[in-house]
C-alpha atoms as a PDB file:
ATOM      1  CA  MET A   1      11.323  -0.838 -36.537  1.00  0.00           C
ATOM      2  CA  ARG A   2      12.459   2.487 -34.588  1.00  0.00           C
ATOM      3  CA  GLY A   3      15.670   1.996 -33.213  1.00  0.00           C
ATOM      4  CA  ARG A   4      17.854   4.250 -30.788  1.00  0.00           C
ATOM      5  CA  VAL A   5      21.449   4.185 -31.165  1.00  0.00           C
ATOM      6  CA  ASP A   6      23.630   6.016 -28.549  1.00  0.00           C
ATOM      7  CA  ASP A   7      27.057   6.596 -30.810  1.00  0.00           C
ATOM      8  CA  GLY A   8      29.021   5.761 -27.655  1.00  0.00           C
ATOM      9  CA  ASN A   9      30.732   9.166 -27.323  1.00  0.00           C
ATOM     10  CA  LEU A  10      30.601   7.933 -23.580  1.00  0.00           C
ATOM     11  CA  ALA A  11      33.857   7.843 -22.816  1.00  0.00           C
ATOM     12  CA  GLY A  12      35.843   8.415 -26.034  1.00  0.00           C
ATOM     13  CA  HIS A  13      36.240  11.991 -24.764  1.00  0.00           C
ATOM     14  CA  SER A  14      36.282  11.683 -21.177  1.00  0.00           C
ATOM     15  CA  GLY A  15      33.587  14.465 -20.652  1.00  0.00           C
ATOM     16  CA  TRP A  16      29.983  15.317 -21.609  1.00  0.00           C
ATOM     17  CA  ALA A  17      28.357  17.999 -23.835  1.00  0.00           C
ATOM     18  CA  GLY A  18      26.083  18.488 -26.545  1.00  0.00           C
ATOM     19  CA  PRO A  19      22.418  19.889 -25.914  1.00  0.00           C
ATOM     20  CA  THR A  20      21.818  18.292 -22.435  1.00  0.00           C
ATOM     21  CA  ALA A  21      24.799  20.057 -20.683  1.00  0.00           C
ATOM     22  CA  HIS A  22      22.702  23.114 -20.638  1.00  0.00           C
ATOM     23  CA  ALA A  23      23.209  23.827 -16.947  1.00  0.00           C
ATOM     24  CA  ALA A  24      26.788  23.128 -16.823  1.00  0.00           C
ATOM     25  CA  VAL A  25      27.515  25.352 -19.801  1.00  0.00           C
ATOM     26  CA  ARG A  26      25.632  28.299 -17.892  1.00  0.00           C
ATOM     27  CA  SER A  27      27.632  27.243 -14.940  1.00  0.00           C
ATOM     28  CA  ARG A  28      30.804  27.594 -16.761  1.00  0.00           C
ATOM     29  CA  ALA A  29      29.854  30.610 -18.736  1.00  0.00           C
ATOM     30  CA  LEU A  30      29.382  32.372 -15.233  1.00  0.00           C
ATOM     31  CA  ALA A  31      32.541  31.397 -13.441  1.00  0.00           C
ATOM     32  CA  ARG A  32      34.067  32.590 -16.927  1.00  0.00           C
ATOM     33  CA  ARG A  33      32.956  35.912 -16.734  1.00  0.00           C
ATOM     34  CA  ALA A  34      33.394  36.250 -12.828  1.00  0.00           C
ATOM     35  CA  ALA A  35      37.344  35.013 -13.618  1.00  0.00           C
ATOM     36  CA  LYS A  36      37.397  37.962 -16.498  1.00  0.00           C
ATOM     37  CA  THR A  37      35.960  40.327 -14.008  1.00  0.00           C
ATOM     38  CA  SER A  38      38.250  39.782 -11.510  1.00  0.00           C
ATOM     39  CA  GLY A  39      41.625  39.488 -13.432  1.00  0.00           C
ATOM     40  CA  GLU A  40      41.673  35.692 -12.502  1.00  0.00           C
ATOM     41  CA  PRO A  41      42.353  32.809 -14.798  1.00  0.00           C
ATOM     42  CA  GLU A  42      39.285  30.959 -16.266  1.00  0.00           C
ATOM     43  CA  PRO A  43      38.559  27.947 -14.254  1.00  0.00           C
ATOM     44  CA  TRP A  44      39.118  24.131 -15.430  1.00  0.00           C
ATOM     45  CA  LEU A  45      36.290  21.685 -15.409  1.00  0.00           C
ATOM     46  CA  ASP A  46      37.395  20.516 -11.854  1.00  0.00           C
ATOM     47  CA  ASP A  47      36.844  23.702 -10.393  1.00  0.00           C
ATOM     48  CA  LEU A  48      33.600  24.078 -11.111  1.00  0.00           C
ATOM     49  CA  GLY A  49      31.008  22.913  -8.465  1.00  0.00           C
ATOM     50  CA  TRP A  50      28.282  20.143  -9.414  1.00  0.00           C
ATOM     51  CA  GLU A  51      25.032  19.445  -7.729  1.00  0.00           C
ATOM     52  CA  PRO A  52      22.840  16.344  -8.165  1.00  0.00           C
ATOM     53  CA  ALA A  53      19.801  17.967  -9.428  1.00  0.00           C
ATOM     54  CA  GLU A  54      21.877  19.374 -12.658  1.00  0.00           C
ATOM     55  CA  PHE A  55      22.569  15.905 -13.737  1.00  0.00           C
ATOM     56  CA  THR A  56      18.827  14.999 -12.860  1.00  0.00           C
ATOM     57  CA  LEU A  57      17.746  18.104 -15.419  1.00  0.00           C
ATOM     58  CA  ILE A  58      20.255  16.891 -18.040  1.00  0.00           C
ATOM     59  CA  ALA A  59      19.163  13.299 -18.142  1.00  0.00           C
ATOM     60  CA  GLU A  60      15.240  14.407 -18.342  1.00  0.00           C
ATOM     61  CA  ARG A  61      15.994  17.121 -20.863  1.00  0.00           C
ATOM     62  CA  GLN A  62      18.018  14.231 -23.155  1.00  0.00           C
ATOM     63  CA  LEU A  63      14.963  12.039 -22.833  1.00  0.00           C
ATOM     64  CA  ALA A  64      12.578  14.420 -23.494  1.00  0.00           C
ATOM     65  CA  TRP A  65      14.426  15.268 -26.670  1.00  0.00           C
ATOM     66  CA  GLU A  66      14.993  11.833 -27.590  1.00  0.00           C
ATOM     67  CA  ASP A  67      11.129  11.228 -27.123  1.00  0.00           C
ATOM     68  CA  ALA A  68      10.512  13.831 -29.555  1.00  0.00           C
ATOM     69  CA  ALA A  69      13.112  13.246 -32.139  1.00  0.00           C
ATOM     70  CA  ALA A  70      11.638   9.669 -32.259  1.00  0.00           C
ATOM     71  CA  ARG A  71       8.128  10.667 -32.816  1.00  0.00           C
ATOM     72  CA  THR A  72       9.602  12.268 -36.244  1.00  0.00           C
ATOM     73  CA  GLY A  73       9.121   8.972 -37.890  1.00  0.00           C
ATOM     74  CA  SER A  74      12.677   7.989 -38.715  1.00  0.00           C
ATOM     75  CA  SER A  75      13.564   4.280 -38.237  1.00  0.00           C
ATOM     76  CA  LEU A  76      16.734   5.447 -36.456  1.00  0.00           C
ATOM     77  CA  LEU A  77      17.823   7.737 -34.007  1.00  0.00           C
ATOM     78  CA  VAL A  78      20.963   7.993 -33.149  1.00  0.00           C
ATOM     79  CA  CYS A  79      22.171   9.789 -29.778  1.00  0.00           C
ATOM     80  CA  ASP A  80      25.374  10.970 -28.793  1.00  0.00           C
ATOM     81  CA  THR A  81      24.767  10.588 -25.176  1.00  0.00           C
ATOM     82  CA  ASP A  82      21.827   9.469 -22.826  1.00  0.00           C
ATOM     83  CA  ALA A  83      20.900   9.035 -18.900  1.00  0.00           C
ATOM     84  CA  LEU A  84      22.991   6.087 -18.532  1.00  0.00           C
ATOM     85  CA  ALA A  85      26.021   8.248 -19.518  1.00  0.00           C
ATOM     86  CA  THR A  86      24.845  11.123 -17.213  1.00  0.00           C
ATOM     87  CA  SER A  87      24.804   8.811 -14.331  1.00  0.00           C
ATOM     88  CA  LEU A  88      28.341   7.919 -14.838  1.00  0.00           C
ATOM     89  CA  TRP A  89      29.637  10.799 -14.954  1.00  0.00           C
ATOM     90  CA  HIS A  90      27.726  11.756 -11.754  1.00  0.00           C
ATOM     91  CA  GLU A  91      29.482   9.105 -10.248  1.00  0.00           C
ATOM     92  CA  ARG A  92      32.405  10.944 -11.497  1.00  0.00           C
ATOM     93  CA  TYR A  93      32.107  13.941 -10.431  1.00  0.00           C
ATOM     94  CA  LEU A  94      29.993  13.365  -6.855  1.00  0.00           C
ATOM     95  CA  GLY A  95      31.045  10.377  -6.036  1.00  0.00           C
ATOM     96  CA  ALA A  96      28.261   8.001  -6.515  1.00  0.00           C
ATOM     97  CA  VAL A  97      25.876   6.957  -8.999  1.00  0.00           C
ATOM     98  CA  SER A  98      22.627   8.986  -9.022  1.00  0.00           C
ATOM     99  CA  PRO A  99      19.481   6.512  -8.309  1.00  0.00           C
ATOM    100  CA  GLU A 100      17.396   9.365  -9.819  1.00  0.00           C
ATOM    101  CA  VAL A 101      19.322   9.496 -12.858  1.00  0.00           C
ATOM    102  CA  VAL A 102      19.320   5.508 -13.378  1.00  0.00           C
ATOM    103  CA  ARG A 103      15.622   5.806 -13.071  1.00  0.00           C
ATOM    104  CA  ILE A 104      15.563   8.289 -15.952  1.00  0.00           C
ATOM    105  CA  HIS A 105      17.842   5.737 -17.914  1.00  0.00           C
ATOM    106  CA  GLU A 106      15.622   2.760 -17.253  1.00  0.00           C
ATOM    107  CA  ARG A 107      12.682   4.532 -18.541  1.00  0.00           C
ATOM    108  CA  ALA A 108      14.305   5.281 -21.950  1.00  0.00           C
ATOM    109  CA  ARG A 109      14.280   2.547 -24.704  1.00  0.00           C
ATOM    110  CA  HIS A 110      17.782   2.282 -26.569  1.00  0.00           C
ATOM    111  CA  ASP A 111      18.219  -0.659 -29.001  1.00  0.00           C
ATOM    112  CA  LEU A 112      22.310  -0.443 -29.041  1.00  0.00           C
ATOM    113  CA  TRP A 113      25.164   1.699 -27.413  1.00  0.00           C
ATOM    114  CA  ILE A 114      27.991   2.195 -29.942  1.00  0.00           C
ATOM    115  CA  HIS A 115      31.081   2.647 -27.566  1.00  0.00           C
ATOM    116  CA  THR A 116      33.805   4.242 -28.747  1.00  0.00           C
ATOM    117  CA  SER A 117      37.200   2.885 -27.330  1.00  0.00           C
ATOM    118  CA  VAL A 118      39.792   5.358 -26.384  1.00  0.00           C
ATOM    119  CA  ALA A 119      42.522   3.275 -27.572  1.00  0.00           C
ATOM    120  CA  ASP A 120      44.319   5.108 -30.650  1.00  0.00           C
ATOM    121  CA  VAL A 121      42.495   8.168 -29.965  1.00  0.00           C
ATOM    122  CA  PRO A 122      44.706  11.292 -29.221  1.00  0.00           C
ATOM    123  CA  PHE A 123      43.401  13.564 -26.134  1.00  0.00           C
ATOM    124  CA  GLU A 124      42.695  16.707 -27.342  1.00  0.00           C
ATOM    125  CA  GLN A 125      41.506  19.468 -24.198  1.00  0.00           C
ATOM    126  CA  ASP A 126      39.001  21.736 -25.023  1.00  0.00           C
ATOM    127  CA  GLY A 127      38.178  22.878 -21.401  1.00  0.00           C
ATOM    128  CA  TRP A 128      35.444  20.581 -21.035  1.00  0.00           C
ATOM    129  CA  ARG A 129      37.563  16.837 -20.874  1.00  0.00           C
ATOM    130  CA  ASP A 130      38.748  16.063 -17.431  1.00  0.00           C
ATOM    131  CA  GLY A 131      42.135  15.126 -19.050  1.00  0.00           C
ATOM    132  CA  GLU A 132      44.169  11.951 -20.200  1.00  0.00           C
ATOM    133  CA  HIS A 133      44.529  10.859 -16.843  1.00  0.00           C
ATOM    134  CA  ILE A 134      40.858   9.358 -16.526  1.00  0.00           C
ATOM    135  CA  ARG A 135      40.645   8.582 -20.117  1.00  0.00           C
ATOM    136  CA  HIS A 136      41.324   4.569 -19.572  1.00  0.00           C
ATOM    137  CA  ARG A 137      39.546   4.759 -16.294  1.00  0.00           C
ATOM    138  CA  MET A 138      36.210   6.114 -17.763  1.00  0.00           C
ATOM    139  CA  ASP A 139      36.714   3.957 -20.820  1.00  0.00           C
ATOM    140  CA  GLU A 140      36.427   0.669 -18.625  1.00  0.00           C
ATOM    141  CA  ARG A 141      33.885   1.843 -16.406  1.00  0.00           C
ATOM    142  CA  PHE A 142      31.461   2.386 -19.217  1.00  0.00           C
ATOM    143  CA  ARG A 143      32.311  -1.047 -20.845  1.00  0.00           C
ATOM    144  CA  THR A 144      31.786  -2.701 -17.345  1.00  0.00           C
ATOM    145  CA  GLU A 145      28.437  -0.984 -17.027  1.00  0.00           C
ATOM    146  CA  LEU A 146      27.488  -1.766 -20.348  1.00  0.00           C
ATOM    147  CA  ALA A 147      28.292  -5.418 -19.814  1.00  0.00           C
ATOM    148  CA  SER A 148      26.952  -5.932 -16.410  1.00  0.00           C
ATOM    149  CA  ARG A 149      23.538  -4.132 -17.408  1.00  0.00           C
ATOM    150  CA  GLY A 150      23.398  -6.680 -20.490  1.00  0.00           C
ATOM    151  CA  LEU A 151      22.981  -3.687 -22.995  1.00  0.00           C
ATOM    152  CA  PRO A 152      23.330  -4.780 -26.607  1.00  0.00           C
ATOM    153  CA  HIS A 153      26.666  -2.711 -27.440  1.00  0.00           C
ATOM    154  CA  VAL A 154      29.447  -3.099 -29.549  1.00  0.00           C
ATOM    155  CA  ILE A 155      32.968  -1.230 -28.954  1.00  0.00           C
ATOM    156  CA  VAL A 156      34.224   0.311 -31.862  1.00  0.00           C
ATOM    157  CA  THR A 157      38.194   0.490 -32.309  1.00  0.00           C
ATOM    158  CA  GLY A 158      40.785   1.455 -35.082  1.00  0.00           C
ATOM    159  CA  SER A 159      40.807   4.122 -37.310  1.00  0.00           C
ATOM    160  CA  PRO A 160      38.183   6.273 -37.881  1.00  0.00           C
ATOM    161  CA  GLU A 161      37.184   4.734 -40.970  1.00  0.00           C
ATOM    162  CA  GLN A 162      37.446   1.418 -39.085  1.00  0.00           C
ATOM    163  CA  ARG A 163      35.167   2.700 -36.358  1.00  0.00           C
ATOM    164  CA  LEU A 164      32.532   3.919 -38.602  1.00  0.00           C
ATOM    165  CA  ALA A 165      32.470   0.646 -40.477  1.00  0.00           C
ATOM    166  CA  GLN A 166      31.990  -1.421 -37.558  1.00  0.00           C
ATOM    167  CA  ALA A 167      29.401   1.157 -36.314  1.00  0.00           C
ATOM    168  CA  VAL A 168      27.370   0.693 -39.508  1.00  0.00           C
ATOM    169  CA  ARG A 169      27.679  -2.974 -39.432  1.00  0.00           C
ATOM    170  CA  ALA A 170      26.493  -2.984 -35.911  1.00  0.00           C
ATOM    171  CA  VAL A 171      23.323  -0.625 -36.929  1.00  0.00           C
ATOM    172  CA  ASP A 172      22.665  -2.547 -40.154  1.00  0.00           C
ATOM    173  CA  GLY A 173      22.469  -5.835 -38.401  1.00  0.00           C
ATOM    174  CA  MET A 174      20.031  -4.233 -35.745  1.00  0.00           C
ATOM    175  CA  LEU A 175      17.981  -2.693 -38.694  1.00  0.00           C
ATOM    176  CA  ALA A 176      17.938  -6.223 -40.372  1.00  0.00           C
ATOM    177  CA  GLU A 177      16.078  -8.054 -37.423  1.00  0.00           C
ATOM    178  CA  GLY A 178      12.909  -6.055 -38.515  1.00  0.00           C
ATOM    179  CA  TRP A 179       9.905  -4.670 -36.673  1.00  0.00           C
ATOM    180  CA  GLN A 180       9.481  -5.111 -33.101  1.00  0.00           C
ATOM    181  CA  PHE A 181       6.874  -3.792 -31.046  1.00  0.00           C
ATOM    182  CA  SER A 182       7.886  -1.797 -28.335  1.00  0.00           C
ATOM    183  CA  PRO A 183       6.163   0.455 -25.520  1.00  0.00           C
ATOM    184  CA  PRO A 184       4.479   3.386 -26.886  1.00  0.00           C
ATOM    185  CA  LEU A 185       6.724   6.452 -26.196  1.00  0.00           C
END
């Protein structure tokens, strides 16, 4: 059985990062360089302009990397984000879920989402995260989307050790179900 698991950093940190954020990283780097050159303060996340095509590119690249990693032969692939998360961040920044990004999500095969609750996780600003003010709203948005789509998921809470134990139990349970045939990659 090959299982794809999204580790649920969907809302545990109100902002997305990782390898799929290349376009955003480039945009922020250019804005930081311009600020330093002009002597202005560096921009925050909300100061940056976002384009729908950036989210589509992020979702496409993430799915391509997932597919490439799945072909390596491991029985488990854990991803820290996916096109579903990208679609909801598109909604957050541009006001609506992107139908294009949702179609990319629908092409992907994921067997389990592990959603990390924001409860009991202190907020740490690193320049990428929106801020404490949206964490609970985005946490609820992801929970609602996972449930309304009927996607297999677990919400992990508690201390880091408790969250890890909950996640391991959920993945072990999924793997114990045995081999299932899926559409070819």
